[in-house]
Amino acid sequence: MSLPPESEAHEPLRRCAITRNRRPRELLLRFVTAPGGGLVEDLAHKLPGRGIHVLPDQKRVTTLLTRHKMSGEAIAAVLQRLAVALEQRLLDGVGLARRTGECRQGFREVEELLKRGARPLLLLAEDAATLQDRVNGLVQGLTGVEVIRVPASSRLGTIWSGRPVVLVAVTHVGIQTRIRADAMRWWSFTRDTTHSGEKNQKGG
């Protein structure tokens, strides 16, 4: 997975306050000024006020918060909250797909779905590296099927009564769009803390 370059973006663009690069709004982190000063994160892009956008990596977020005179302790708390909230928002999107009947889980069910001509977004748990080759073989030659990395099978499994889940197919286009954006932000923030948004991420 990687954040798309500005030239390939088709969604409303916002400029990163640190790098000045422009990216689709949904792929950036948004902050607004808190009543008592400082900044507060707004993952859903819904809080009132003038938003400040930043690429989703810890180095850039730290720079932004430092410029707004936040203490080291406050910055550490924001980074911790963001890591948890980005993962939870991603899992919430998968949960929405399950509740609406727009997803399947497990290799056999996904394989059958593809054989029927469906072109879902495939979600592969980050700790399921041994399954990567099988999944690559499953989608080889198929157009319009993307495989992205998501949180560990134990976390993904919380959506299915707690049993580990390693592979999920999401069929609803709108939910696919949400999950794809949230997965990019989560992966960038938790896996690449120095140059996210400017180079391709590994494993997606």
Protein backbone atom coordinates (compact mmCIF):
# COMPACT_ATOMS: atom_id res chain seq x y z
CA MET A 1 0.00 0.00 0.00
CA SER A 2 1.12 3.55 -0.62
CA LEU A 3 -0.39 6.99 -0.58
CA PRO A 4 -1.08 7.96 -4.21
CA PRO A 5 0.92 10.83 -5.73
CA GLU A 6 -0.93 14.09 -6.19
CA SER A 7 -1.07 13.62 -9.97
CA GLU A 8 -3.11 10.41 -9.58
CA ALA A 9 -5.55 11.68 -6.97
CA HIS A 10 -9.20 12.20 -7.94
CA GLU A 11 -10.64 13.14 -4.54
CA PRO A 12 -10.62 16.58 -2.85
CA LEU A 13 -7.03 17.37 -1.99
CA ARG A 14 -5.59 18.91 1.16
CA ARG A 15 -2.06 20.11 1.79
CA CYS A 16 0.12 18.58 4.49
CA ALA A 17 1.04 21.32 6.96
CA ILE A 18 4.57 19.93 7.29
CA THR A 19 5.67 18.73 3.86
CA ARG A 20 3.30 20.95 1.82
CA ASN A 21 2.50 17.91 -0.33
CA ARG A 22 -1.13 17.57 -1.38
CA ARG A 23 -3.00 14.29 -0.95
CA PRO A 24 -6.65 13.15 -0.91
CA ARG A 25 -8.28 14.42 2.27
CA GLU A 26 -9.29 10.95 3.48
CA LEU A 27 -5.66 9.77 3.40
CA LEU A 28 -4.44 12.51 5.72
CA LEU A 29 -4.84 13.06 9.44
CA ARG A 30 -6.90 16.10 10.42
CA PHE A 31 -6.46 18.16 13.56
CA VAL A 32 -8.49 21.07 14.89
CA THR A 33 -7.70 23.59 17.61
CA ALA A 34 -8.94 22.50 21.03
CA PRO A 35 -10.87 24.97 23.25
CA GLY A 36 -8.03 25.06 25.75
CA GLY A 37 -5.32 25.37 23.14
CA GLY A 38 -3.26 22.73 21.41
CA LEU A 39 -4.64 20.40 18.76
CA VAL A 40 -7.06 17.48 18.86
CA GLU A 41 -7.23 14.72 16.27
CA ASP A 42 -10.28 14.31 14.03
CA LEU A 43 -10.08 10.96 12.21
CA ALA A 44 -13.57 11.21 10.74
CA HIS A 45 -13.01 14.75 9.39
CA LYS A 46 -16.21 15.95 11.08
CA LEU A 47 -15.24 18.26 13.95
CA PRO A 48 -16.07 21.95 13.46
CA GLY A 49 -13.34 24.47 12.93
CA ARG A 50 -10.56 25.03 10.46
CA GLY A 51 -8.73 21.79 9.97
CA ILE A 52 -4.98 21.27 9.82
CA HIS A 53 -3.94 18.26 7.75
CA VAL A 54 -0.78 16.20 7.98
CA LEU A 55 0.59 13.05 6.37
CA PRO A 56 -0.15 9.99 8.53
CA ASP A 57 3.21 9.28 10.11
CA GLN A 58 4.45 9.83 13.61
CA LYS A 59 7.38 12.08 12.69
CA ARG A 60 5.19 14.60 10.86
CA VAL A 61 2.50 14.52 13.54
CA THR A 62 5.16 15.13 16.21
CA THR A 63 6.52 18.09 14.25
CA LEU A 64 3.04 19.56 13.88
CA LEU A 65 2.20 19.23 17.57
CA THR A 66 5.59 20.61 18.61
CA ARG A 67 4.99 23.70 16.47
CA HIS A 68 1.76 24.21 18.40
CA LYS A 69 3.65 24.25 21.70
CA MET A 70 2.38 20.92 23.01
CA SER A 71 4.52 19.20 25.63
CA GLY A 72 6.36 15.95 25.05
CA GLU A 73 3.95 14.16 27.38
CA ALA A 74 0.92 15.51 25.53
CA ILE A 75 2.43 14.57 22.17
CA ALA A 76 3.13 11.02 23.34
CA ALA A 77 -0.50 10.72 24.48
CA VAL A 78 -1.77 11.88 21.08
CA LEU A 79 0.47 9.40 19.24
CA GLN A 80 -0.74 6.56 21.44
CA ARG A 81 -4.38 7.52 20.93
CA LEU A 82 -3.90 7.76 17.19
CA ALA A 83 -2.32 4.31 16.91
CA VAL A 84 -5.25 2.78 18.77
CA ALA A 85 -7.92 4.84 17.03
CA LEU A 86 -6.62 4.26 13.51
CA GLU A 87 -6.66 0.51 14.04
CA GLN A 88 -10.13 0.61 15.60
CA ARG A 89 -11.56 2.73 12.79
CA LEU A 90 -10.22 0.22 10.26
CA LEU A 91 -11.73 -2.69 12.18
CA ASP A 92 -15.03 -0.80 12.48
CA GLY A 93 -15.16 -0.61 8.68
CA VAL A 94 -14.68 -4.37 8.41
CA GLY A 95 -17.35 -4.86 11.07
CA LEU A 96 -19.73 -2.71 9.04
CA ALA A 97 -19.10 -4.90 5.98
CA ARG A 98 -19.88 -8.01 8.02
CA ARG A 99 -23.06 -6.61 9.54
CA THR A 100 -24.39 -5.64 6.10
CA GLY A 101 -23.52 -9.04 4.59
CA GLU A 102 -20.91 -7.49 2.31
CA CYS A 103 -17.92 -9.63 3.20
CA ARG A 104 -16.66 -13.20 3.39
CA GLN A 105 -13.84 -14.62 5.50
CA GLY A 106 -11.59 -17.63 5.04
CA PHE A 107 -9.60 -18.85 2.06
CA ARG A 108 -12.23 -21.24 0.69
CA GLU A 109 -15.08 -18.73 0.85
CA VAL A 110 -12.94 -16.05 -0.78
CA GLU A 111 -11.85 -18.47 -3.49
CA GLU A 112 -15.48 -19.37 -4.24
CA LEU A 113 -16.42 -15.70 -4.36
CA LEU A 114 -13.74 -15.01 -6.95
CA LYS A 115 -14.79 -18.00 -9.03
CA ARG A 116 -18.28 -16.51 -9.23
CA GLY A 117 -16.82 -13.41 -10.83
CA ALA A 118 -16.85 -11.07 -7.85
CA ARG A 119 -14.05 -8.53 -7.57
CA PRO A 120 -13.77 -7.80 -3.84
CA LEU A 121 -11.17 -5.94 -1.86
CA LEU A 122 -9.09 -8.60 -0.08
CA LEU A 123 -7.83 -7.97 3.45
CA LEU A 124 -4.87 -10.05 4.62
CA ALA A 125 -3.90 -10.05 8.30
CA GLU A 126 -0.42 -8.63 8.88
CA ASP A 127 0.72 -11.79 10.70
CA ALA A 128 -0.37 -14.07 7.83
CA ALA A 129 2.76 -13.70 5.72
CA THR A 130 2.84 -17.46 5.05
CA LEU A 131 -0.47 -17.09 3.24
CA GLN A 132 0.76 -14.34 0.93
CA ASP A 133 1.88 -16.67 -1.87
CA ARG A 134 -1.43 -18.57 -1.81
CA VAL A 135 -3.39 -15.34 -1.99
CA ASN A 136 -1.18 -14.04 -4.81
CA GLY A 137 -1.89 -17.26 -6.70
CA LEU A 138 -5.58 -16.88 -6.03
CA VAL A 139 -5.77 -13.44 -7.64
CA GLN A 140 -3.21 -13.97 -10.40
CA GLY A 141 -4.64 -12.89 -13.73
CA LEU A 142 -7.67 -11.20 -12.17
CA THR A 143 -8.17 -7.51 -12.82
CA GLY A 144 -9.75 -5.24 -10.24
CA VAL A 145 -8.78 -7.34 -7.21
CA GLU A 146 -6.55 -5.62 -4.66
CA VAL A 147 -4.93 -7.19 -1.60
CA ILE A 148 -4.11 -4.95 1.35
CA ARG A 149 -2.68 -5.59 4.80
CA VAL A 150 -4.80 -5.11 7.91
CA PRO A 151 -4.25 -5.70 11.66
CA ALA A 152 -3.25 -9.08 13.05
CA SER A 153 -5.54 -12.10 12.78
CA SER A 154 -6.38 -11.93 16.48
CA ARG A 155 -7.57 -8.32 16.13
CA LEU A 156 -9.44 -9.06 12.91
CA GLY A 157 -10.99 -12.03 14.66
CA THR A 158 -12.68 -9.83 17.24
CA ILE A 159 -15.26 -9.15 14.54
CA TRP A 160 -15.96 -12.91 14.29
CA SER A 161 -16.52 -13.90 17.92
CA GLY A 162 -12.84 -13.81 18.79
CA ARG A 163 -11.45 -16.59 16.60
CA PRO A 164 -8.42 -15.59 14.47
CA VAL A 165 -9.25 -14.47 10.94
CA VAL A 166 -6.53 -14.12 8.30
CA LEU A 167 -8.33 -13.35 5.03
CA VAL A 168 -11.45 -11.28 4.35
CA ALA A 169 -13.13 -10.22 1.11
CA VAL A 170 -15.21 -7.02 1.11
CA THR A 171 -17.68 -6.69 -1.76
CA HIS A 172 -19.41 -3.35 -1.17
CA VAL A 173 -17.69 -0.62 -3.22
CA GLY A 174 -18.41 2.19 -0.77
CA ILE A 175 -17.15 0.21 2.21
CA GLN A 176 -14.12 -0.84 0.16
CA THR A 177 -13.26 2.84 -0.33
CA ARG A 178 -13.49 3.55 3.39
CA ILE A 179 -11.45 0.50 4.38
CA ARG A 180 -8.77 1.19 1.76
CA ALA A 181 -8.24 4.75 3.01
CA ASP A 182 -8.26 3.72 6.68
CA ALA A 183 -5.84 0.85 5.99
CA MET A 184 -3.42 3.21 4.25
CA ARG A 185 -3.48 5.64 7.19
CA TRP A 186 -3.13 2.84 9.75
CA TRP A 187 -0.26 1.16 7.92
CA SER A 188 1.55 4.41 7.27
CA PHE A 189 1.25 5.57 10.87
CA THR A 190 2.19 2.29 12.53
CA ARG A 191 4.74 0.88 10.10
CA ASP A 192 6.61 3.79 8.51
CA THR A 193 7.36 6.63 10.87
CA THR A 194 9.95 8.50 8.82
CA HIS A 195 8.90 8.79 5.19
CA SER A 196 5.29 7.64 4.92
CA GLY A 197 3.41 9.10 2.01
CA GLU A 198 6.62 9.61 0.03
CA LYS A 199 7.63 6.02 -0.70
CA ASN A 200 5.84 2.76 -1.23
CA GLN A 201 4.96 0.79 1.87
CA LYS A 202 6.06 -2.80 2.09
CA GLY A 203 3.75 -5.75 2.43
CA GLY A 204 0.64 -4.28 0.82
